[in-house]
Amino acid sequence: NKYLWRFTSGPRLSYAAMKELLWRAQFKEFEEYAKFELEMQHKLGATEDFKEGVHAYAERRRPKFVGK
């Protein structure tokens, strides 16, 4: 599949967090979901991948995520 590389070279930590957030949105109470979402925003905002994504966007290039 020509789109598979986008997922395999993407921000894996963010993908894992999104998967967990989708699950919690369906099966957990809103307060628990919202607390977890806020925790993930803080945690993921401090990663190397987040910084790489911001720099790549500013420099108009494809990001090179490392999973950290």
C-alpha atoms as a PDB file:
ATOM      1  CA  ASN A   1       0.000   0.000   0.000  1.00  0.00           C
ATOM      2  CA  LYS A   2       1.428   3.354  -1.008  1.00  0.00           C
ATOM      3  CA  TYR A   3       0.168   5.031   2.191  1.00  0.00           C
ATOM      4  CA  LEU A   4       1.646   2.506   4.631  1.00  0.00           C
ATOM      5  CA  TRP A   5       4.985   4.365   4.817  1.00  0.00           C
ATOM      6  CA  ARG A   6       3.170   7.362   6.301  1.00  0.00           C
ATOM      7  CA  PHE A   7       2.210   5.348   9.357  1.00  0.00           C
ATOM      8  CA  THR A   8       5.451   3.462   9.725  1.00  0.00           C
ATOM      9  CA  SER A   9       7.563   6.608   9.513  1.00  0.00           C
ATOM     10  CA  GLY A  10       5.195   8.787  11.529  1.00  0.00           C
ATOM     11  CA  PRO A  11       5.190   9.838  15.181  1.00  0.00           C
ATOM     12  CA  ARG A  12       4.660   6.446  16.838  1.00  0.00           C
ATOM     13  CA  LEU A  13       4.203   7.871  20.334  1.00  0.00           C
ATOM     14  CA  SER A  14       1.398  10.114  19.109  1.00  0.00           C
ATOM     15  CA  TYR A  15      -0.252   7.252  17.243  1.00  0.00           C
ATOM     16  CA  ALA A  16      -0.214   5.128  20.401  1.00  0.00           C
ATOM     17  CA  ALA A  17      -1.693   7.973  22.443  1.00  0.00           C
ATOM     18  CA  MET A  18      -4.431   8.557  19.856  1.00  0.00           C
ATOM     19  CA  LYS A  19      -5.341   4.869  19.913  1.00  0.00           C
ATOM     20  CA  GLU A  20      -5.621   4.924  23.701  1.00  0.00           C
ATOM     21  CA  LEU A  21      -7.612   8.188  23.631  1.00  0.00           C
ATOM     22  CA  LEU A  22     -10.103   6.743  21.144  1.00  0.00           C
ATOM     23  CA  TRP A  23     -10.590   3.703  23.369  1.00  0.00           C
ATOM     24  CA  ARG A  24     -11.044   5.844  26.491  1.00  0.00           C
ATOM     25  CA  ALA A  25     -13.516   8.128  24.696  1.00  0.00           C
ATOM     26  CA  GLN A  26     -15.783   5.122  24.162  1.00  0.00           C
ATOM     27  CA  PHE A  27     -15.404   3.214  27.406  1.00  0.00           C
ATOM     28  CA  LYS A  28     -14.409   5.634  30.172  1.00  0.00           C
ATOM     29  CA  GLU A  29     -16.068   8.540  31.925  1.00  0.00           C
ATOM     30  CA  PHE A  30     -15.482  11.979  30.431  1.00  0.00           C
ATOM     31  CA  GLU A  31     -13.487  13.253  33.420  1.00  0.00           C
ATOM     32  CA  GLU A  32     -11.057  10.335  33.219  1.00  0.00           C
ATOM     33  CA  TYR A  33     -10.733  10.773  29.455  1.00  0.00           C
ATOM     34  CA  ALA A  34     -10.107  14.517  29.745  1.00  0.00           C
ATOM     35  CA  LYS A  35      -7.476  14.013  32.457  1.00  0.00           C
ATOM     36  CA  PHE A  36      -5.641  11.457  30.330  1.00  0.00           C
ATOM     37  CA  GLU A  37      -5.801  13.706  27.257  1.00  0.00           C
ATOM     38  CA  LEU A  38      -4.232  16.580  29.183  1.00  0.00           C
ATOM     39  CA  GLU A  39      -1.488  14.274  30.486  1.00  0.00           C
ATOM     40  CA  MET A  40      -0.745  13.088  26.953  1.00  0.00           C
ATOM     41  CA  GLN A  41      -0.576  16.657  25.619  1.00  0.00           C
ATOM     42  CA  HIS A  42       2.013  17.566  28.243  1.00  0.00           C
ATOM     43  CA  LYS A  43       3.980  14.354  27.790  1.00  0.00           C
ATOM     44  CA  LEU A  44       3.996  14.394  23.983  1.00  0.00           C
ATOM     45  CA  GLY A  45       4.752  18.115  23.829  1.00  0.00           C
ATOM     46  CA  ALA A  46       8.084  17.425  25.514  1.00  0.00           C
ATOM     47  CA  THR A  47       9.228  14.712  23.088  1.00  0.00           C
ATOM     48  CA  GLU A  48      11.939  14.926  20.462  1.00  0.00           C
ATOM     49  CA  ASP A  49       9.353  13.991  17.833  1.00  0.00           C
ATOM     50  CA  PHE A  50       7.210  17.011  18.707  1.00  0.00           C
ATOM     51  CA  LYS A  51      10.183  19.329  18.385  1.00  0.00           C
ATOM     52  CA  GLU A  52      11.161  17.686  15.092  1.00  0.00           C
ATOM     53  CA  GLY A  53       7.611  18.121  13.775  1.00  0.00           C
ATOM     54  CA  VAL A  54       7.565  21.818  14.631  1.00  0.00           C
ATOM     55  CA  HIS A  55      10.990  22.400  13.072  1.00  0.00           C
ATOM     56  CA  ALA A  56      10.097  20.428   9.953  1.00  0.00           C
ATOM     57  CA  TYR A  57       6.897  22.417   9.525  1.00  0.00           C
ATOM     58  CA  ALA A  58       8.718  25.729   9.938  1.00  0.00           C
ATOM     59  CA  GLU A  59      11.415  24.641   7.494  1.00  0.00           C
ATOM     60  CA  ARG A  60       8.853  23.231   5.032  1.00  0.00           C
ATOM     61  CA  ARG A  61      10.332  19.746   4.944  1.00  0.00           C
ATOM     62  CA  ARG A  62       9.236  16.235   5.867  1.00  0.00           C
ATOM     63  CA  PRO A  63       9.837  15.372   9.520  1.00  0.00           C
ATOM     64  CA  LYS A  64      12.181  12.550  10.525  1.00  0.00           C
ATOM     65  CA  PHE A  65      10.581  11.031  13.612  1.00  0.00           C
ATOM     66  CA  VAL A  66      12.673   8.785  15.870  1.00  0.00           C
ATOM     67  CA  GLY A  67      10.081   7.601  18.396  1.00  0.00           C
ATOM     68  CA  LYS A  68      11.486   9.576  21.318  1.00  0.00           C
END
